[in-house]
Amino acid sequence: MKKVEAIIRPSKLKAVQRGLKEAEIPCITVIPVKGSGLQKSYSERYRGTEQSMILQTRVMIICVISDDNLEKCVDVILENASENLVGDGKIFIYNVEDAIRLSSKVRGNEAIL
């Protein structure tokens, strides 16, 4: 099993979610995040004062999937989240040792299906 974490622009969330659902990967967790990377800071007006903002608002999508679905998941995220611009985001992939469904106590790949 693999855990895929993708940090993307909030405006791309619906397209990625739709793509994952069509690819039969419907189980995702979405978390609003802020961070900085290669993209430069931007200015924002707050109560009449211009402030330099360093942290960008993004969304983190987390999917735990079978090894067979890894490339399909990554391809869907790349197709739907990328504008080929700095600041599009990143994808991280981790190994998952086990998963347990709380309701039925099923373990392993069956727990994520």
C-alpha atoms as a PDB file:
ATOM      1  CA  MET A   1       0.000   0.000   0.000  1.00  0.00           C
ATOM      2  CA  LYS A   2       1.059   3.585  -0.628  1.00  0.00           C
ATOM      3  CA  LYS A   3       0.116   6.935   0.861  1.00  0.00           C
ATOM      4  CA  VAL A   4      -0.010   9.758  -1.678  1.00  0.00           C
ATOM      5  CA  GLU A   5       0.066  13.340  -0.388  1.00  0.00           C
ATOM      6  CA  ALA A   6      -0.483  16.031  -2.978  1.00  0.00           C
ATOM      7  CA  ILE A   7      -0.266  19.733  -2.207  1.00  0.00           C
ATOM      8  CA  ILE A   8      -2.189  21.627  -4.885  1.00  0.00           C
ATOM      9  CA  ARG A   9      -3.877  24.949  -5.603  1.00  0.00           C
ATOM     10  CA  PRO A  10      -7.364  25.165  -4.025  1.00  0.00           C
ATOM     11  CA  SER A  11      -8.864  26.024  -7.423  1.00  0.00           C
ATOM     12  CA  LYS A  12      -7.799  22.593  -8.732  1.00  0.00           C
ATOM     13  CA  LEU A  13      -9.412  20.526  -5.962  1.00  0.00           C
ATOM     14  CA  LYS A  14     -12.725  19.835  -7.731  1.00  0.00           C
ATOM     15  CA  ALA A  15     -10.995  18.709 -10.940  1.00  0.00           C
ATOM     16  CA  VAL A  16      -8.649  16.383  -9.039  1.00  0.00           C
ATOM     17  CA  GLN A  17     -11.495  14.993  -6.947  1.00  0.00           C
ATOM     18  CA  ARG A  18     -13.587  14.349 -10.072  1.00  0.00           C
ATOM     19  CA  GLY A  19     -10.631  12.692 -11.816  1.00  0.00           C
ATOM     20  CA  LEU A  20      -9.895  10.425  -8.858  1.00  0.00           C
ATOM     21  CA  LYS A  21     -13.545   9.400  -8.630  1.00  0.00           C
ATOM     22  CA  GLU A  22     -13.618   8.562 -12.359  1.00  0.00           C
ATOM     23  CA  ALA A  23     -10.420   6.530 -11.879  1.00  0.00           C
ATOM     24  CA  GLU A  24     -12.202   4.572  -9.118  1.00  0.00           C
ATOM     25  CA  ILE A  25     -10.092   6.125  -6.337  1.00  0.00           C
ATOM     26  CA  PRO A  26     -12.901   7.867  -4.425  1.00  0.00           C
ATOM     27  CA  CYS A  27     -11.438   7.814  -0.891  1.00  0.00           C
ATOM     28  CA  ILE A  28      -9.501  10.996  -0.148  1.00  0.00           C
ATOM     29  CA  THR A  29      -8.833  13.291   2.783  1.00  0.00           C
ATOM     30  CA  VAL A  30      -8.543  17.035   2.154  1.00  0.00           C
ATOM     31  CA  ILE A  31      -6.758  19.446   4.505  1.00  0.00           C
ATOM     32  CA  PRO A  32      -6.310  23.213   4.012  1.00  0.00           C
ATOM     33  CA  VAL A  33      -2.613  24.092   4.414  1.00  0.00           C
ATOM     34  CA  LYS A  34      -0.259  27.072   4.115  1.00  0.00           C
ATOM     35  CA  GLY A  35       3.366  26.901   3.087  1.00  0.00           C
ATOM     36  CA  SER A  36       6.192  28.302   1.035  1.00  0.00           C
ATOM     37  CA  GLY A  37       8.266  26.833  -1.724  1.00  0.00           C
ATOM     38  CA  LEU A  38       9.852  28.179  -4.877  1.00  0.00           C
ATOM     39  CA  GLN A  39       7.010  30.628  -5.516  1.00  0.00           C
ATOM     40  CA  LYS A  40       7.794  34.188  -4.466  1.00  0.00           C
ATOM     41  CA  SER A  41       5.880  36.093  -1.809  1.00  0.00           C
ATOM     42  CA  TYR A  42       2.945  38.328  -2.710  1.00  0.00           C
ATOM     43  CA  SER A  43       1.442  41.516  -1.286  1.00  0.00           C
ATOM     44  CA  GLU A  44      -1.984  41.778   0.282  1.00  0.00           C
ATOM     45  CA  ARG A  45      -3.880  44.736   1.696  1.00  0.00           C
ATOM     46  CA  TYR A  46      -5.189  44.295   5.221  1.00  0.00           C
ATOM     47  CA  ARG A  47      -7.013  47.181   6.924  1.00  0.00           C
ATOM     48  CA  GLY A  48      -5.452  49.670   4.538  1.00  0.00           C
ATOM     49  CA  THR A  49      -1.891  48.478   5.079  1.00  0.00           C
ATOM     50  CA  GLU A  50       0.039  46.526   2.465  1.00  0.00           C
ATOM     51  CA  GLN A  51       1.644  43.415   3.914  1.00  0.00           C
ATOM     52  CA  SER A  52       4.062  40.973   2.333  1.00  0.00           C
ATOM     53  CA  MET A  53       2.695  37.442   2.582  1.00  0.00           C
ATOM     54  CA  ILE A  54       5.174  34.590   2.453  1.00  0.00           C
ATOM     55  CA  LEU A  55       2.902  31.585   3.008  1.00  0.00           C
ATOM     56  CA  GLN A  56       0.690  30.486   0.119  1.00  0.00           C
ATOM     57  CA  THR A  57      -2.733  28.925   0.674  1.00  0.00           C
ATOM     58  CA  ARG A  58      -2.913  25.393  -0.689  1.00  0.00           C
ATOM     59  CA  VAL A  59      -4.876  22.159  -0.198  1.00  0.00           C
ATOM     60  CA  MET A  60      -3.363  18.813   0.762  1.00  0.00           C
ATOM     61  CA  ILE A  61      -5.027  15.700  -0.635  1.00  0.00           C
ATOM     62  CA  ILE A  62      -4.203  12.394   1.055  1.00  0.00           C
ATOM     63  CA  CYS A  63      -4.986   9.011  -0.541  1.00  0.00           C
ATOM     64  CA  VAL A  64      -4.034   5.585   0.774  1.00  0.00           C
ATOM     65  CA  ILE A  65      -4.131   3.228  -2.184  1.00  0.00           C
ATOM     66  CA  SER A  66      -3.024  -0.207  -3.332  1.00  0.00           C
ATOM     67  CA  ASP A  67       0.291  -0.492  -5.133  1.00  0.00           C
ATOM     68  CA  ASP A  68      -1.628  -1.300  -8.338  1.00  0.00           C
ATOM     69  CA  ASN A  69      -3.403   2.085  -8.286  1.00  0.00           C
ATOM     70  CA  LEU A  70      -0.315   4.213  -7.588  1.00  0.00           C
ATOM     71  CA  GLU A  71       0.500   5.299 -11.144  1.00  0.00           C
ATOM     72  CA  LYS A  72      -3.174   5.865 -11.963  1.00  0.00           C
ATOM     73  CA  CYS A  73      -3.534   8.126  -8.898  1.00  0.00           C
ATOM     74  CA  VAL A  74      -0.370  10.110  -9.662  1.00  0.00           C
ATOM     75  CA  ASP A  75      -1.354  10.529 -13.319  1.00  0.00           C
ATOM     76  CA  VAL A  76      -4.816  11.859 -12.390  1.00  0.00           C
ATOM     77  CA  ILE A  77      -3.308  14.417 -10.000  1.00  0.00           C
ATOM     78  CA  LEU A  78      -0.700  15.527 -12.543  1.00  0.00           C
ATOM     79  CA  GLU A  79      -3.302  15.887 -15.314  1.00  0.00           C
ATOM     80  CA  ASN A  80      -5.808  17.841 -13.240  1.00  0.00           C
ATOM     81  CA  ALA A  81      -3.662  19.942 -10.888  1.00  0.00           C
ATOM     82  CA  SER A  82      -0.790  21.141 -13.077  1.00  0.00           C
ATOM     83  CA  GLU A  83      -0.755  24.441 -14.953  1.00  0.00           C
ATOM     84  CA  ASN A  84       2.997  24.099 -15.629  1.00  0.00           C
ATOM     85  CA  LEU A  85       3.672  27.069 -13.342  1.00  0.00           C
ATOM     86  CA  VAL A  86       5.838  27.533 -10.277  1.00  0.00           C
ATOM     87  CA  GLY A  87       3.574  27.048  -7.264  1.00  0.00           C
ATOM     88  CA  ASP A  88       1.456  24.238  -8.750  1.00  0.00           C
ATOM     89  CA  GLY A  89       2.413  22.000  -5.821  1.00  0.00           C
ATOM     90  CA  LYS A  90       4.106  18.713  -5.075  1.00  0.00           C
ATOM     91  CA  ILE A  91       3.288  15.019  -4.742  1.00  0.00           C
ATOM     92  CA  PHE A  92       4.838  12.860  -2.015  1.00  0.00           C
ATOM     93  CA  ILE A  93       4.605   9.047  -1.903  1.00  0.00           C
ATOM     94  CA  TYR A  94       5.132   6.932   1.225  1.00  0.00           C
ATOM     95  CA  ASN A  95       4.993   3.217   2.011  1.00  0.00           C
ATOM     96  CA  VAL A  96       2.132   2.140   4.303  1.00  0.00           C
ATOM     97  CA  GLU A  97       2.695  -0.961   6.396  1.00  0.00           C
ATOM     98  CA  ASP A  98      -0.899  -1.689   7.345  1.00  0.00           C
ATOM     99  CA  ALA A  99      -4.422  -0.284   7.391  1.00  0.00           C
ATOM    100  CA  ILE A 100      -7.292  -1.297   9.657  1.00  0.00           C
ATOM    101  CA  ARG A 101     -10.957  -0.463   9.104  1.00  0.00           C
ATOM    102  CA  LEU A 102     -12.362   0.391  12.525  1.00  0.00           C
ATOM    103  CA  SER A 103     -15.933  -0.803  11.900  1.00  0.00           C
ATOM    104  CA  SER A 104     -15.088  -4.330  10.759  1.00  0.00           C
ATOM    105  CA  LYS A 105     -11.470  -4.683  11.937  1.00  0.00           C
ATOM    106  CA  VAL A 106     -10.479  -5.774   8.411  1.00  0.00           C
ATOM    107  CA  ARG A 107      -6.758  -5.295   7.749  1.00  0.00           C
ATOM    108  CA  GLY A 108      -4.552  -4.694   4.727  1.00  0.00           C
ATOM    109  CA  ASN A 109      -5.711  -3.939   1.189  1.00  0.00           C
ATOM    110  CA  GLU A 110      -9.299  -4.911   2.001  1.00  0.00           C
ATOM    111  CA  ALA A 111      -9.429  -2.078   4.549  1.00  0.00           C
ATOM    112  CA  ILE A 112      -8.826   0.565   1.858  1.00  0.00           C
ATOM    113  CA  LEU A 113     -11.210  -0.795  -0.779  1.00  0.00           C
END
